[in-house]
Amino acid sequence: MMNDRSMIAFHEVGEGFAGMKRFCGIMNIMPPLNRTTYSDKMTKLHDAYMFICQKSMKKAALESREIVEENITGDISSDIDVSLDGT
């Protein structure tokens, strides 16, 4: 559990495995993961992020469609603007 949380924390701040290893060295503690384990866990984390991302986008699309269908009149377009932050 702690390994997973450490990995996610370093990933989220943009440091990754090298940053986690450097931090452990500075703190004089053993690194919680080796590179292979880190890569395997990152693959699983990526899959989880993608699953949640797709689920969230589908939900947003359905909600948008419902709003458009409820408010449709002759002069309202069903086009919806989308903004992304690139992450």
N, C-alpha and C. Protein backbone atom coordinates (compact mmCIF):
# COMPACT_ATOMS: atom_id res chain seq x y z
N MET A 1 0.82 -1.19 0.00
CA MET A 1 0.00 0.00 0.00
C MET A 1 0.87 1.26 0.00
N MET A 2 1.87 1.29 0.88
CA MET A 2 2.75 2.46 0.94
C MET A 2 3.54 2.62 -0.36
N ASN A 3 3.98 1.49 -0.94
CA ASN A 3 4.69 1.57 -2.21
C ASN A 3 3.82 2.20 -3.28
N ASP A 4 2.55 1.80 -3.33
CA ASP A 4 1.64 2.34 -4.33
C ASP A 4 1.44 3.84 -4.12
N ARG A 5 1.25 4.24 -2.89
CA ARG A 5 1.03 5.66 -2.61
C ARG A 5 2.27 6.49 -2.93
N SER A 6 3.44 5.95 -2.61
CA SER A 6 4.69 6.65 -2.92
C SER A 6 4.83 6.81 -4.43
N MET A 7 4.57 5.74 -5.15
CA MET A 7 4.69 5.76 -6.59
C MET A 7 3.74 6.79 -7.21
N ILE A 8 2.49 6.79 -6.76
CA ILE A 8 1.51 7.73 -7.29
C ILE A 8 1.92 9.17 -6.95
N ALA A 9 2.37 9.40 -5.73
CA ALA A 9 2.78 10.74 -5.32
C ALA A 9 3.92 11.27 -6.19
N PHE A 10 4.95 10.46 -6.39
CA PHE A 10 6.08 10.92 -7.21
C PHE A 10 5.69 11.08 -8.67
N HIS A 11 4.80 10.24 -9.14
CA HIS A 11 4.30 10.37 -10.51
C HIS A 11 3.53 11.68 -10.67
N GLU A 12 2.66 11.97 -9.71
CA GLU A 12 1.81 13.16 -9.80
C GLU A 12 2.60 14.47 -9.72
N VAL A 13 3.74 14.46 -9.04
CA VAL A 13 4.55 15.68 -8.99
C VAL A 13 5.60 15.72 -10.09
N GLY A 14 5.55 14.73 -10.99
CA GLY A 14 6.42 14.73 -12.16
C GLY A 14 7.83 14.22 -11.93
N GLU A 15 8.05 13.49 -10.86
CA GLU A 15 9.40 13.01 -10.55
C GLU A 15 9.64 11.56 -10.98
N GLY A 16 8.63 10.71 -10.91
CA GLY A 16 8.77 9.33 -11.35
C GLY A 16 9.75 8.52 -10.52
N PHE A 17 10.25 7.44 -11.13
CA PHE A 17 11.12 6.50 -10.43
C PHE A 17 12.43 7.15 -9.97
N ALA A 18 13.05 7.92 -10.85
CA ALA A 18 14.33 8.53 -10.50
C ALA A 18 14.19 9.47 -9.30
N GLY A 19 13.12 10.26 -9.29
CA GLY A 19 12.89 11.16 -8.17
C GLY A 19 12.63 10.42 -6.87
N MET A 20 11.88 9.31 -6.96
CA MET A 20 11.59 8.51 -5.78
C MET A 20 12.88 7.88 -5.24
N LYS A 21 13.72 7.40 -6.15
CA LYS A 21 14.99 6.78 -5.75
C LYS A 21 15.92 7.83 -5.12
N ARG A 22 15.98 9.01 -5.71
CA ARG A 22 16.81 10.09 -5.18
C ARG A 22 16.32 10.51 -3.79
N PHE A 23 14.99 10.65 -3.63
CA PHE A 23 14.42 11.01 -2.34
C PHE A 23 14.78 9.98 -1.27
N CYS A 24 14.65 8.70 -1.60
CA CYS A 24 14.98 7.64 -0.64
C CYS A 24 16.46 7.70 -0.26
N GLY A 25 17.32 8.00 -1.23
CA GLY A 25 18.75 8.14 -0.94
C GLY A 25 19.03 9.28 0.01
N ILE A 26 18.38 10.41 -0.23
CA ILE A 26 18.56 11.57 0.65
C ILE A 26 18.06 11.26 2.06
N MET A 27 16.96 10.53 2.16
CA MET A 27 16.38 10.20 3.47
C MET A 27 17.06 9.00 4.12
N ASN A 28 18.03 8.39 3.39
CA ASN A 28 18.76 7.22 3.87
C ASN A 28 17.83 6.04 4.18
N ILE A 29 16.88 5.81 3.25
CA ILE A 29 16.00 4.65 3.35
C ILE A 29 16.07 3.86 2.06
N MET A 30 15.72 2.61 2.12
CA MET A 30 15.74 1.76 0.92
C MET A 30 14.62 2.19 -0.03
N PRO A 31 14.91 2.20 -1.32
CA PRO A 31 13.85 2.51 -2.28
C PRO A 31 12.72 1.49 -2.15
N PRO A 32 11.46 1.93 -2.20
CA PRO A 32 10.36 1.01 -2.00
C PRO A 32 10.12 0.04 -3.16
N LEU A 33 10.61 0.37 -4.35
CA LEU A 33 10.37 -0.46 -5.53
C LEU A 33 11.62 -0.53 -6.38
N ASN A 34 11.73 -1.62 -7.15
CA ASN A 34 12.77 -1.64 -8.18
C ASN A 34 12.15 -1.15 -9.49
N ARG A 35 12.97 -0.90 -10.49
CA ARG A 35 12.47 -0.31 -11.74
C ARG A 35 11.43 -1.19 -12.41
N THR A 36 11.60 -2.50 -12.42
CA THR A 36 10.65 -3.40 -13.08
C THR A 36 9.28 -3.34 -12.39
N THR A 37 9.28 -3.40 -11.07
CA THR A 37 8.03 -3.32 -10.32
C THR A 37 7.37 -1.98 -10.55
N TYR A 38 8.16 -0.91 -10.55
CA TYR A 38 7.64 0.43 -10.79
C TYR A 38 6.96 0.49 -12.16
N SER A 39 7.62 -0.05 -13.18
CA SER A 39 7.05 -0.02 -14.54
C SER A 39 5.76 -0.82 -14.61
N ASP A 40 5.73 -1.98 -13.96
CA ASP A 40 4.52 -2.80 -13.96
C ASP A 40 3.37 -2.06 -13.28
N LYS A 41 3.66 -1.43 -12.16
CA LYS A 41 2.62 -0.70 -11.42
C LYS A 41 2.17 0.54 -12.21
N MET A 42 3.10 1.19 -12.92
CA MET A 42 2.73 2.35 -13.72
C MET A 42 1.80 1.95 -14.86
N THR A 43 2.02 0.79 -15.44
CA THR A 43 1.13 0.29 -16.49
C THR A 43 -0.27 0.11 -15.93
N LYS A 44 -0.38 -0.48 -14.76
CA LYS A 44 -1.69 -0.67 -14.13
C LYS A 44 -2.32 0.67 -13.77
N LEU A 45 -1.52 1.61 -13.29
CA LEU A 45 -2.03 2.93 -12.95
C LEU A 45 -2.54 3.64 -14.21
N HIS A 46 -1.79 3.54 -15.29
CA HIS A 46 -2.21 4.15 -16.55
C HIS A 46 -3.54 3.57 -17.01
N ASP A 47 -3.68 2.25 -16.92
CA ASP A 47 -4.94 1.60 -17.32
C ASP A 47 -6.10 2.10 -16.46
N ALA A 48 -5.86 2.27 -15.16
CA ALA A 48 -6.91 2.78 -14.26
C ALA A 48 -7.27 4.22 -14.62
N TYR A 49 -6.26 5.06 -14.88
CA TYR A 49 -6.52 6.44 -15.29
C TYR A 49 -7.35 6.48 -16.58
N MET A 50 -6.99 5.65 -17.54
CA MET A 50 -7.71 5.63 -18.81
C MET A 50 -9.15 5.17 -18.62
N PHE A 51 -9.37 4.17 -17.78
CA PHE A 51 -10.72 3.68 -17.51
C PHE A 51 -11.58 4.81 -16.93
N ILE A 52 -11.06 5.49 -15.92
CA ILE A 52 -11.80 6.58 -15.28
C ILE A 52 -12.02 7.73 -16.26
N CYS A 53 -11.01 8.03 -17.04
CA CYS A 53 -11.11 9.11 -18.03
C CYS A 53 -12.22 8.82 -19.04
N GLN A 54 -12.23 7.62 -19.58
CA GLN A 54 -13.25 7.26 -20.57
C GLN A 54 -14.64 7.26 -19.94
N LYS A 55 -14.75 6.74 -18.73
CA LYS A 55 -16.03 6.72 -18.03
C LYS A 55 -16.53 8.15 -17.79
N SER A 56 -15.63 9.04 -17.38
CA SER A 56 -15.99 10.43 -17.13
C SER A 56 -16.42 11.14 -18.41
N MET A 57 -15.70 10.90 -19.52
CA MET A 57 -16.05 11.55 -20.78
C MET A 57 -17.39 11.05 -21.31
N LYS A 58 -17.65 9.74 -21.16
CA LYS A 58 -18.95 9.20 -21.60
C LYS A 58 -20.09 9.81 -20.79
N LYS A 59 -19.87 9.95 -19.48
CA LYS A 59 -20.89 10.54 -18.62
C LYS A 59 -21.15 11.99 -19.03
N ALA A 60 -20.09 12.74 -19.28
CA ALA A 60 -20.23 14.14 -19.69
C ALA A 60 -20.96 14.25 -21.03
N ALA A 61 -20.65 13.34 -21.95
CA ALA A 61 -21.31 13.36 -23.26
C ALA A 61 -22.81 13.08 -23.11
N LEU A 62 -23.14 12.09 -22.28
CA LEU A 62 -24.56 11.78 -22.07
C LEU A 62 -25.30 12.94 -21.41
N GLU A 63 -24.67 13.57 -20.40
CA GLU A 63 -25.29 14.72 -19.75
C GLU A 63 -25.48 15.87 -20.73
N SER A 64 -24.50 16.12 -21.58
CA SER A 64 -24.60 17.18 -22.58
C SER A 64 -25.72 16.89 -23.57
N ARG A 65 -25.80 15.64 -23.99
CA ARG A 65 -26.85 15.26 -24.94
C ARG A 65 -28.23 15.47 -24.32
N GLU A 66 -28.39 15.10 -23.04
CA GLU A 66 -29.67 15.29 -22.36
C GLU A 66 -30.04 16.77 -22.28
N ILE A 67 -29.07 17.62 -21.97
CA ILE A 67 -29.32 19.06 -21.88
C ILE A 67 -29.75 19.61 -23.23
N VAL A 68 -29.06 19.20 -24.29
CA VAL A 68 -29.39 19.68 -25.63
C VAL A 68 -30.78 19.21 -26.03
N GLU A 69 -31.09 17.94 -25.76
CA GLU A 69 -32.40 17.40 -26.14
C GLU A 69 -33.54 18.06 -25.36
N GLU A 70 -33.29 18.42 -24.10
CA GLU A 70 -34.31 19.09 -23.29
C GLU A 70 -34.57 20.51 -23.77
N ASN A 71 -33.54 21.17 -24.27
CA ASN A 71 -33.65 22.58 -24.63
C ASN A 71 -33.68 22.85 -26.13
N ILE A 72 -33.88 21.81 -26.91
CA ILE A 72 -33.80 21.98 -28.36
C ILE A 72 -34.98 22.80 -28.88
N THR A 73 -34.65 23.79 -29.67
CA THR A 73 -35.64 24.58 -30.40
C THR A 73 -35.07 24.78 -31.78
N GLY A 74 -35.79 25.46 -32.60
CA GLY A 74 -35.36 25.64 -33.98
C GLY A 74 -34.07 26.42 -34.14
N ASP A 75 -33.71 27.26 -33.18
CA ASP A 75 -32.56 28.13 -33.36
C ASP A 75 -31.35 27.75 -32.50
N ILE A 76 -31.41 26.63 -31.81
CA ILE A 76 -30.28 26.22 -30.95
C ILE A 76 -29.54 25.06 -31.61
N SER A 77 -28.25 25.22 -31.73
CA SER A 77 -27.40 24.18 -32.30
C SER A 77 -27.08 23.14 -31.24
N SER A 78 -26.82 21.92 -31.67
CA SER A 78 -26.44 20.87 -30.73
C SER A 78 -24.92 20.77 -30.61
N ASP A 79 -24.20 21.73 -31.21
CA ASP A 79 -22.74 21.73 -31.07
C ASP A 79 -22.37 22.12 -29.65
N ILE A 80 -21.36 21.45 -29.12
CA ILE A 80 -20.92 21.72 -27.75
C ILE A 80 -19.42 21.98 -27.77
N ASP A 81 -19.01 23.10 -27.19
CA ASP A 81 -17.58 23.41 -27.09
C ASP A 81 -16.95 22.59 -25.97
N VAL A 82 -15.73 22.14 -26.21
CA VAL A 82 -15.00 21.34 -25.22
C VAL A 82 -13.64 21.96 -25.03
N SER A 83 -13.20 22.03 -23.78
CA SER A 83 -11.88 22.57 -23.45
C SER A 83 -11.09 21.51 -22.70
N LEU A 84 -9.85 21.29 -23.10
CA LEU A 84 -8.98 20.30 -22.47
C LEU A 84 -7.71 20.98 -21.97
N ASP A 85 -7.11 20.44 -20.92
CA ASP A 85 -5.89 21.04 -20.41
C ASP A 85 -4.63 20.31 -20.89
N GLY A 86 -4.78 19.28 -21.68
CA GLY A 86 -3.63 18.61 -22.29
C GLY A 86 -2.96 17.55 -21.44
N THR A 87 -3.50 17.23 -20.28
CA THR A 87 -2.86 16.19 -19.44
C THR A 87 -3.50 14.85 -19.66
